[in-house]
């Protein structure tokens, strides 16, 4: 299964901590405050800023995330806009809610193929939230429910 992460638009990180509010518009094309975390120490991904929009593409089957922040953040709210720009087959958009070292809590909007015995396979668009260690392949499913796929360019 190929996973495509395409994050676009303005990521707004609104934090209710003493440091105030961090707003990331990517208008300076600077990713110095960000770091990549990749499942099983796989190769880094392709991350770039195009027209003040953050773009990430991965045709791999493992989790690949770009993170920012520090361990002093508490009681924060994250807001962002995200849209798929292309569909390369079965795919997902993953958003991490918490990353600590290699431990991650993330949710994904995806369209996995569901095998139903002798019946033809079907695509069942879903939102799943999982937690686990990026040095492992097993994750704990926190929640899952049907959800329509995100529309291209919307």
N, C-alpha and C. Protein backbone atom coordinates (compact mmCIF):
# COMPACT_ATOMS: atom_id res chain seq x y z
N UNK A 1 0.85 -1.17 0.00
CA UNK A 1 0.00 0.00 0.00
C UNK A 1 0.89 1.23 0.00
N UNK A 2 0.56 2.15 -0.84
CA UNK A 2 1.32 3.38 -0.91
C UNK A 2 0.63 4.45 -0.08
N UNK A 3 1.41 5.14 0.69
CA UNK A 3 0.85 6.19 1.52
C UNK A 3 1.32 7.52 0.99
N UNK A 4 0.40 8.43 0.77
CA UNK A 4 0.74 9.75 0.31
C UNK A 4 0.38 10.76 1.39
N UNK A 5 1.37 11.47 1.84
CA UNK A 5 1.13 12.53 2.80
C UNK A 5 1.30 13.84 2.06
N UNK A 6 0.25 14.56 1.92
CA UNK A 6 0.38 15.86 1.29
C UNK A 6 -0.28 16.87 2.20
N UNK A 7 0.51 17.59 2.91
CA UNK A 7 -0.02 18.61 3.79
C UNK A 7 0.11 19.95 3.11
N UNK A 8 -0.95 20.66 3.06
CA UNK A 8 -0.93 21.92 2.34
C UNK A 8 -1.73 22.94 3.11
N UNK A 9 -1.53 24.16 2.82
CA UNK A 9 -2.25 25.23 3.49
C UNK A 9 -1.42 25.78 4.61
N UNK A 10 -2.06 26.44 5.51
CA UNK A 10 -1.37 27.07 6.64
C UNK A 10 -1.57 26.21 7.87
N UNK A 11 -0.47 25.83 8.51
CA UNK A 11 -0.56 25.11 9.77
C UNK A 11 -0.56 26.16 10.87
N UNK A 12 -1.56 26.14 11.70
CA UNK A 12 -1.62 27.08 12.81
C UNK A 12 -1.47 26.31 14.10
N UNK A 13 -0.47 26.63 14.84
CA UNK A 13 -0.27 26.00 16.13
C UNK A 13 -0.63 27.03 17.19
N UNK A 14 -1.76 26.84 17.84
CA UNK A 14 -2.22 27.77 18.85
C UNK A 14 -2.02 27.10 20.20
N UNK A 15 -1.21 27.69 21.01
CA UNK A 15 -0.80 27.06 22.26
C UNK A 15 -1.27 27.87 23.44
N UNK A 16 -1.83 27.19 24.42
CA UNK A 16 -2.23 27.89 25.64
C UNK A 16 -1.19 27.67 26.72
N UNK A 17 0.02 28.12 26.45
CA UNK A 17 1.10 28.04 27.42
C UNK A 17 1.65 29.45 27.61
N UNK A 18 2.51 29.61 28.57
CA UNK A 18 3.03 30.93 28.87
C UNK A 18 3.82 31.52 27.71
N UNK A 19 4.30 30.70 26.80
CA UNK A 19 5.08 31.20 25.68
C UNK A 19 4.21 31.95 24.68
N UNK A 20 2.91 31.81 24.74
CA UNK A 20 2.04 32.53 23.81
C UNK A 20 1.59 31.66 22.68
N UNK A 21 1.46 32.26 21.51
CA UNK A 21 0.92 31.57 20.34
C UNK A 21 1.99 31.45 19.26
N UNK A 22 2.13 30.26 18.73
CA UNK A 22 3.02 30.03 17.60
C UNK A 22 2.16 29.88 16.36
N UNK A 23 2.41 30.68 15.35
CA UNK A 23 1.70 30.58 14.08
C UNK A 23 2.74 30.30 13.01
N UNK A 24 2.57 29.21 12.28
CA UNK A 24 3.51 28.83 11.22
C UNK A 24 2.80 28.99 9.88
N UNK A 25 3.25 29.95 9.08
CA UNK A 25 2.64 30.18 7.77
C UNK A 25 3.53 29.68 6.63
N UNK A 26 4.75 29.30 6.94
CA UNK A 26 5.72 28.81 5.96
C UNK A 26 6.05 29.86 4.90
N UNK A 27 5.76 31.14 5.16
CA UNK A 27 6.04 32.16 4.16
C UNK A 27 7.53 32.46 4.03
N UNK A 28 8.34 32.07 5.03
CA UNK A 28 9.79 32.28 4.91
C UNK A 28 10.51 31.05 4.35
N UNK A 29 9.75 30.01 4.00
CA UNK A 29 10.28 28.78 3.40
C UNK A 29 11.32 28.10 4.29
N UNK A 30 11.23 28.32 5.59
CA UNK A 30 12.22 27.84 6.53
C UNK A 30 11.65 26.65 7.32
N UNK A 31 12.34 25.51 7.27
CA UNK A 31 11.94 24.34 8.04
C UNK A 31 12.94 24.01 9.15
N UNK A 32 13.77 25.00 9.55
CA UNK A 32 14.81 24.75 10.55
C UNK A 32 14.24 24.33 11.90
N UNK A 33 13.06 24.80 12.28
CA UNK A 33 12.46 24.46 13.57
C UNK A 33 11.78 23.09 13.55
N UNK A 34 11.75 22.45 12.42
CA UNK A 34 11.03 21.18 12.25
C UNK A 34 12.03 20.03 12.19
N UNK A 35 11.58 18.84 12.61
CA UNK A 35 12.42 17.64 12.47
C UNK A 35 11.55 16.48 12.00
N UNK A 36 12.15 15.60 11.26
CA UNK A 36 11.41 14.46 10.72
C UNK A 36 11.57 13.26 11.63
N UNK A 37 10.47 12.54 11.85
CA UNK A 37 10.51 11.25 12.53
C UNK A 37 9.94 10.23 11.56
N UNK A 38 10.65 9.11 11.43
CA UNK A 38 10.30 8.11 10.43
C UNK A 38 10.26 6.74 11.09
N UNK A 39 9.23 5.97 10.78
CA UNK A 39 9.10 4.63 11.33
C UNK A 39 10.26 3.74 10.89
N UNK A 40 10.80 2.98 11.84
CA UNK A 40 11.87 2.01 11.62
C UNK A 40 13.13 2.62 11.02
N UNK A 41 13.36 3.92 11.29
CA UNK A 41 14.56 4.62 10.80
C UNK A 41 14.73 4.51 9.29
N UNK A 42 13.63 4.52 8.55
CA UNK A 42 13.70 4.49 7.10
C UNK A 42 14.26 5.80 6.56
N UNK A 43 14.44 5.85 5.26
CA UNK A 43 15.02 7.03 4.61
C UNK A 43 14.12 8.25 4.81
N UNK A 44 14.71 9.44 4.93
CA UNK A 44 13.91 10.66 5.07
C UNK A 44 13.06 10.91 3.84
N UNK A 45 12.05 11.74 4.02
CA UNK A 45 11.10 12.02 2.94
C UNK A 45 11.38 13.31 2.21
N UNK A 46 10.45 13.67 1.35
CA UNK A 46 10.53 14.89 0.58
C UNK A 46 9.57 15.90 1.20
N UNK A 47 10.12 17.00 1.70
CA UNK A 47 9.33 18.06 2.33
C UNK A 47 9.73 19.37 1.68
N UNK A 48 8.76 20.15 1.24
CA UNK A 48 9.11 21.43 0.65
C UNK A 48 7.96 22.42 0.81
N UNK A 49 8.31 23.69 0.65
CA UNK A 49 7.34 24.78 0.72
C UNK A 49 7.16 25.32 -0.69
N UNK A 50 5.92 25.32 -1.15
CA UNK A 50 5.59 25.85 -2.48
C UNK A 50 4.44 26.83 -2.30
N UNK A 51 4.65 28.08 -2.70
CA UNK A 51 3.61 29.13 -2.58
C UNK A 51 3.04 29.20 -1.17
N UNK A 52 3.92 29.22 -0.17
CA UNK A 52 3.54 29.31 1.25
C UNK A 52 2.70 28.12 1.71
N UNK A 53 2.76 27.02 1.00
CA UNK A 53 2.07 25.80 1.40
C UNK A 53 3.11 24.71 1.62
N UNK A 54 2.91 23.95 2.66
CA UNK A 54 3.82 22.87 3.02
C UNK A 54 3.41 21.61 2.27
N UNK A 55 4.33 21.01 1.52
CA UNK A 55 4.05 19.81 0.73
C UNK A 55 4.92 18.66 1.21
N UNK A 56 4.30 17.51 1.38
CA UNK A 56 5.02 16.30 1.77
C UNK A 56 4.49 15.15 0.93
N UNK A 57 5.40 14.39 0.33
CA UNK A 57 4.99 13.26 -0.50
C UNK A 57 5.76 12.02 -0.07
N UNK A 58 5.03 10.94 0.14
CA UNK A 58 5.65 9.66 0.45
C UNK A 58 4.86 8.56 -0.23
N UNK A 59 5.53 7.77 -0.99
CA UNK A 59 4.89 6.61 -1.62
C UNK A 59 5.27 5.32 -0.88
N UNK A 60 5.69 5.49 0.36
CA UNK A 60 6.11 4.36 1.18
C UNK A 60 4.94 3.88 2.04
N UNK A 61 5.11 2.73 2.67
CA UNK A 61 4.06 2.17 3.51
C UNK A 61 4.27 2.45 4.99
N UNK A 62 5.32 3.16 5.35
CA UNK A 62 5.61 3.40 6.76
C UNK A 62 5.25 4.85 7.13
N UNK A 63 5.14 5.09 8.44
CA UNK A 63 4.79 6.41 8.95
C UNK A 63 5.98 7.33 8.82
N UNK A 64 5.72 8.54 8.33
CA UNK A 64 6.75 9.57 8.17
C UNK A 64 6.09 10.89 8.57
N UNK A 65 6.67 11.56 9.59
CA UNK A 65 6.06 12.78 10.12
C UNK A 65 7.10 13.89 10.25
N UNK A 66 6.66 15.12 10.11
CA UNK A 66 7.49 16.28 10.37
C UNK A 66 6.92 16.95 11.61
N UNK A 67 7.76 17.20 12.62
CA UNK A 67 7.27 17.69 13.91
C UNK A 67 7.96 19.00 14.29
N UNK A 68 7.31 19.72 15.19
CA UNK A 68 7.90 20.92 15.77
C UNK A 68 7.42 21.03 17.21
N UNK A 69 8.03 21.91 17.97
CA UNK A 69 7.63 22.11 19.36
C UNK A 69 8.70 21.62 20.31
N UNK A 70 8.37 21.68 21.59
CA UNK A 70 9.29 21.17 22.60
C UNK A 70 8.50 20.57 23.76
N UNK A 71 9.22 19.94 24.66
CA UNK A 71 8.57 19.20 25.75
C UNK A 71 7.91 20.08 26.79
N UNK A 72 8.13 21.39 26.75
CA UNK A 72 7.50 22.28 27.73
C UNK A 72 6.06 22.62 27.36
N UNK A 73 5.63 22.32 26.15
CA UNK A 73 4.26 22.63 25.73
C UNK A 73 3.27 21.79 26.53
N UNK A 74 2.26 22.44 27.08
CA UNK A 74 1.20 21.77 27.83
C UNK A 74 -0.14 22.36 27.45
N UNK A 75 -1.18 21.55 27.49
CA UNK A 75 -2.55 22.02 27.27
C UNK A 75 -2.66 22.86 26.00
N UNK A 76 -2.17 22.35 24.91
CA UNK A 76 -2.17 23.12 23.67
C UNK A 76 -3.23 22.63 22.70
N UNK A 77 -3.59 23.50 21.80
CA UNK A 77 -4.54 23.19 20.74
C UNK A 77 -3.82 23.39 19.41
N UNK A 78 -4.03 22.46 18.50
CA UNK A 78 -3.41 22.55 17.18
C UNK A 78 -4.52 22.70 16.15
N UNK A 79 -4.38 23.67 15.27
CA UNK A 79 -5.33 23.86 14.18
C UNK A 79 -4.54 23.88 12.88
N UNK A 80 -5.09 23.30 11.83
CA UNK A 80 -4.41 23.29 10.55
C UNK A 80 -5.41 23.04 9.44
N UNK A 81 -5.01 23.40 8.24
CA UNK A 81 -5.75 23.07 7.03
C UNK A 81 -4.90 22.07 6.26
N UNK A 82 -5.52 21.04 5.73
CA UNK A 82 -4.78 20.04 4.96
C UNK A 82 -5.63 19.62 3.77
N UNK A 83 -4.97 19.38 2.64
CA UNK A 83 -5.69 18.92 1.45
C UNK A 83 -4.77 18.03 0.62
N UNK A 84 -5.32 16.96 0.04
CA UNK A 84 -4.52 16.14 -0.89
C UNK A 84 -4.43 16.85 -2.23
N UNK A 85 -3.23 16.87 -2.80
CA UNK A 85 -3.03 17.51 -4.10
C UNK A 85 -3.06 16.51 -5.24
N UNK A 86 -2.66 15.26 -4.98
CA UNK A 86 -2.67 14.19 -5.98
C UNK A 86 -3.02 12.90 -5.28
N UNK A 87 -3.54 11.97 -6.02
CA UNK A 87 -3.82 10.64 -5.48
C UNK A 87 -2.98 9.65 -6.28
N UNK A 88 -2.08 8.98 -5.59
CA UNK A 88 -1.16 8.03 -6.22
C UNK A 88 -1.61 6.60 -6.00
N UNK A 89 -2.88 6.38 -5.76
CA UNK A 89 -3.37 5.05 -5.43
C UNK A 89 -3.90 5.07 -4.01
N UNK A 90 -3.90 3.93 -3.36
CA UNK A 90 -4.36 3.86 -1.98
C UNK A 90 -3.46 4.78 -1.16
N UNK A 91 -4.05 5.62 -0.33
CA UNK A 91 -3.22 6.58 0.37
C UNK A 91 -3.79 7.02 1.70
N UNK A 92 -3.04 7.91 2.36
CA UNK A 92 -3.45 8.41 3.67
C UNK A 92 -2.83 9.77 3.92
N UNK A 93 -3.49 10.54 4.75
CA UNK A 93 -2.91 11.76 5.30
C UNK A 93 -2.87 11.52 6.80
N UNK A 94 -1.68 11.61 7.38
CA UNK A 94 -1.48 11.33 8.80
C UNK A 94 -1.10 12.61 9.53
N UNK A 95 -1.70 12.80 10.70
CA UNK A 95 -1.41 13.97 11.54
C UNK A 95 -1.08 13.45 12.94
N UNK A 96 0.10 13.81 13.43
CA UNK A 96 0.49 13.38 14.77
C UNK A 96 -0.07 14.34 15.81
N UNK A 97 -0.66 13.78 16.85
CA UNK A 97 -1.16 14.58 17.96
C UNK A 97 -0.11 14.72 19.05
N UNK A 98 0.77 13.74 19.15
CA UNK A 98 1.78 13.75 20.20
C UNK A 98 2.97 12.92 19.73
N UNK A 99 4.17 13.45 19.88
CA UNK A 99 5.39 12.71 19.58
C UNK A 99 6.33 12.94 20.74
N UNK A 100 6.80 11.85 21.34
CA UNK A 100 7.78 11.94 22.42
C UNK A 100 8.85 10.90 22.13
N UNK A 101 10.01 11.37 21.69
CA UNK A 101 11.06 10.45 21.27
C UNK A 101 10.58 9.70 20.05
N UNK A 102 10.46 8.38 20.17
CA UNK A 102 9.95 7.58 19.06
C UNK A 102 8.51 7.15 19.30
N UNK A 103 7.92 7.54 20.44
CA UNK A 103 6.53 7.20 20.75
C UNK A 103 5.63 8.24 20.11
N UNK A 104 4.56 7.77 19.45
CA UNK A 104 3.70 8.69 18.70
C UNK A 104 2.23 8.32 18.89
N UNK A 105 1.39 9.35 18.90
CA UNK A 105 -0.06 9.19 18.81
C UNK A 105 -0.45 9.96 17.55
N UNK A 106 -1.09 9.27 16.60
CA UNK A 106 -1.44 9.95 15.35
C UNK A 106 -2.77 9.43 14.81
N UNK A 107 -3.36 10.25 13.96
CA UNK A 107 -4.59 9.87 13.27
C UNK A 107 -4.35 9.97 11.78
N UNK A 108 -5.08 9.17 11.03
CA UNK A 108 -4.93 9.19 9.58
C UNK A 108 -6.29 9.06 8.92
N UNK A 109 -6.47 9.79 7.83
CA UNK A 109 -7.62 9.63 6.94
C UNK A 109 -7.07 8.78 5.80
N UNK A 110 -7.69 7.61 5.57
CA UNK A 110 -7.12 6.72 4.56
C UNK A 110 -8.20 5.86 3.92
N UNK A 111 -7.81 5.17 2.87
CA UNK A 111 -8.75 4.30 2.15
C UNK A 111 -8.13 2.91 1.95
N UNK A 112 -8.08 2.13 3.04
CA UNK A 112 -7.47 0.81 2.94
C UNK A 112 -8.32 -0.15 2.11
N UNK A 113 -7.70 -1.17 1.59
CA UNK A 113 -8.42 -2.24 0.90
C UNK A 113 -8.85 -3.24 1.97
N UNK A 114 -10.14 -3.55 1.98
CA UNK A 114 -10.68 -4.49 2.95
C UNK A 114 -10.99 -5.80 2.23
N UNK A 115 -10.39 -6.89 2.70
CA UNK A 115 -10.62 -8.21 2.11
C UNK A 115 -11.74 -8.90 2.89
N UNK A 116 -12.74 -9.40 2.16
CA UNK A 116 -13.92 -10.02 2.79
C UNK A 116 -14.10 -11.45 2.29
N UNK A 117 -13.14 -12.31 2.59
CA UNK A 117 -13.26 -13.71 2.18
C UNK A 117 -13.26 -13.86 0.67
N UNK A 118 -14.32 -14.48 0.12
CA UNK A 118 -14.41 -14.72 -1.32
C UNK A 118 -14.95 -13.52 -2.09
N UNK A 119 -15.41 -12.48 -1.39
CA UNK A 119 -15.98 -11.31 -2.05
C UNK A 119 -14.85 -10.44 -2.62
N UNK A 120 -15.17 -9.62 -3.62
CA UNK A 120 -14.14 -8.72 -4.16
C UNK A 120 -13.68 -7.72 -3.09
N UNK A 121 -12.41 -7.34 -3.11
CA UNK A 121 -11.92 -6.36 -2.13
C UNK A 121 -12.62 -5.02 -2.33
N UNK A 122 -12.80 -4.29 -1.24
CA UNK A 122 -13.43 -2.97 -1.33
C UNK A 122 -12.54 -1.93 -0.64
N UNK A 123 -12.69 -0.69 -1.07
CA UNK A 123 -12.03 0.43 -0.40
C UNK A 123 -13.02 0.97 0.61
N UNK A 124 -12.59 1.10 1.85
CA UNK A 124 -13.46 1.59 2.90
C UNK A 124 -12.78 2.79 3.56
N UNK A 125 -13.12 4.03 3.09
CA UNK A 125 -12.48 5.22 3.67
C UNK A 125 -12.76 5.32 5.17
N UNK A 126 -11.70 5.62 5.95
CA UNK A 126 -11.81 5.62 7.41
C UNK A 126 -10.91 6.70 8.01
N UNK A 127 -11.16 6.98 9.27
CA UNK A 127 -10.24 7.71 10.12
C UNK A 127 -9.85 6.75 11.24
N UNK A 128 -8.57 6.54 11.41
CA UNK A 128 -8.05 5.69 12.48
C UNK A 128 -7.11 6.53 13.33
N UNK A 129 -7.14 6.32 14.63
CA UNK A 129 -6.18 6.93 15.54
C UNK A 129 -5.42 5.79 16.21
N UNK A 130 -4.09 5.92 16.21
CA UNK A 130 -3.22 4.85 16.70
C UNK A 130 -2.14 5.42 17.60
N UNK A 131 -1.52 4.54 18.38
CA UNK A 131 -0.37 4.90 19.17
C UNK A 131 0.64 3.76 19.12
N UNK A 132 1.90 4.11 19.21
CA UNK A 132 2.93 3.08 19.19
C UNK A 132 4.31 3.68 19.08
N UNK A 133 5.28 2.79 19.01
CA UNK A 133 6.69 3.16 18.93
C UNK A 133 7.12 3.10 17.47
N UNK A 134 7.73 4.18 16.98
CA UNK A 134 8.18 4.21 15.59
C UNK A 134 9.31 3.24 15.31
N UNK A 135 9.86 2.59 16.34
CA UNK A 135 10.87 1.55 16.13
C UNK A 135 10.23 0.17 16.01
N UNK A 136 8.90 0.13 15.87
CA UNK A 136 8.16 -1.12 15.80
C UNK A 136 7.18 -1.05 14.62
N UNK A 137 6.57 -2.17 14.28
CA UNK A 137 5.55 -2.20 13.22
C UNK A 137 4.16 -2.39 13.79
N UNK A 138 4.05 -2.69 15.09
CA UNK A 138 2.74 -2.89 15.71
C UNK A 138 2.30 -1.62 16.42
N UNK A 139 1.08 -1.18 16.15
CA UNK A 139 0.51 0.00 16.79
C UNK A 139 -0.82 -0.39 17.42
N UNK A 140 -1.20 0.31 18.48
CA UNK A 140 -2.47 0.07 19.16
C UNK A 140 -3.51 1.00 18.55
N UNK A 141 -4.63 0.42 18.11
CA UNK A 141 -5.72 1.21 17.54
C UNK A 141 -6.51 1.83 18.68
N UNK A 142 -6.56 3.16 18.74
CA UNK A 142 -7.30 3.88 19.78
C UNK A 142 -8.75 4.05 19.38
N UNK A 143 -8.98 4.32 18.11
CA UNK A 143 -10.35 4.52 17.61
C UNK A 143 -10.36 4.46 16.09
N UNK A 144 -11.52 4.10 15.53
CA UNK A 144 -11.65 3.98 14.09
C UNK A 144 -13.11 4.16 13.71
N UNK A 145 -13.35 4.92 12.65
CA UNK A 145 -14.72 5.09 12.17
C UNK A 145 -14.71 5.44 10.69
N UNK A 146 -15.80 5.10 9.97
CA UNK A 146 -15.89 5.44 8.56
C UNK A 146 -15.88 6.96 8.37
N UNK A 147 -15.25 7.41 7.31
CA UNK A 147 -15.17 8.84 7.01
C UNK A 147 -14.92 9.01 5.53
N UNK A 148 -15.59 9.94 4.87
CA UNK A 148 -15.30 10.14 3.45
C UNK A 148 -13.88 10.63 3.24
N UNK A 149 -13.31 10.27 2.10
CA UNK A 149 -11.96 10.72 1.77
C UNK A 149 -11.96 12.23 1.60
N UNK A 150 -10.79 12.83 1.83
CA UNK A 150 -10.64 14.25 1.56
C UNK A 150 -10.67 14.47 0.06
N UNK A 151 -11.29 15.53 -0.38
CA UNK A 151 -11.38 15.85 -1.81
C UNK A 151 -10.07 16.45 -2.29
N UNK A 152 -9.67 16.12 -3.51
CA UNK A 152 -8.46 16.68 -4.07
C UNK A 152 -8.58 18.20 -4.17
N UNK A 153 -7.51 18.89 -3.75
CA UNK A 153 -7.39 20.35 -3.82
C UNK A 153 -8.45 21.11 -3.02
N UNK A 154 -9.08 20.45 -2.05
CA UNK A 154 -10.07 21.16 -1.21
C UNK A 154 -9.70 20.99 0.25
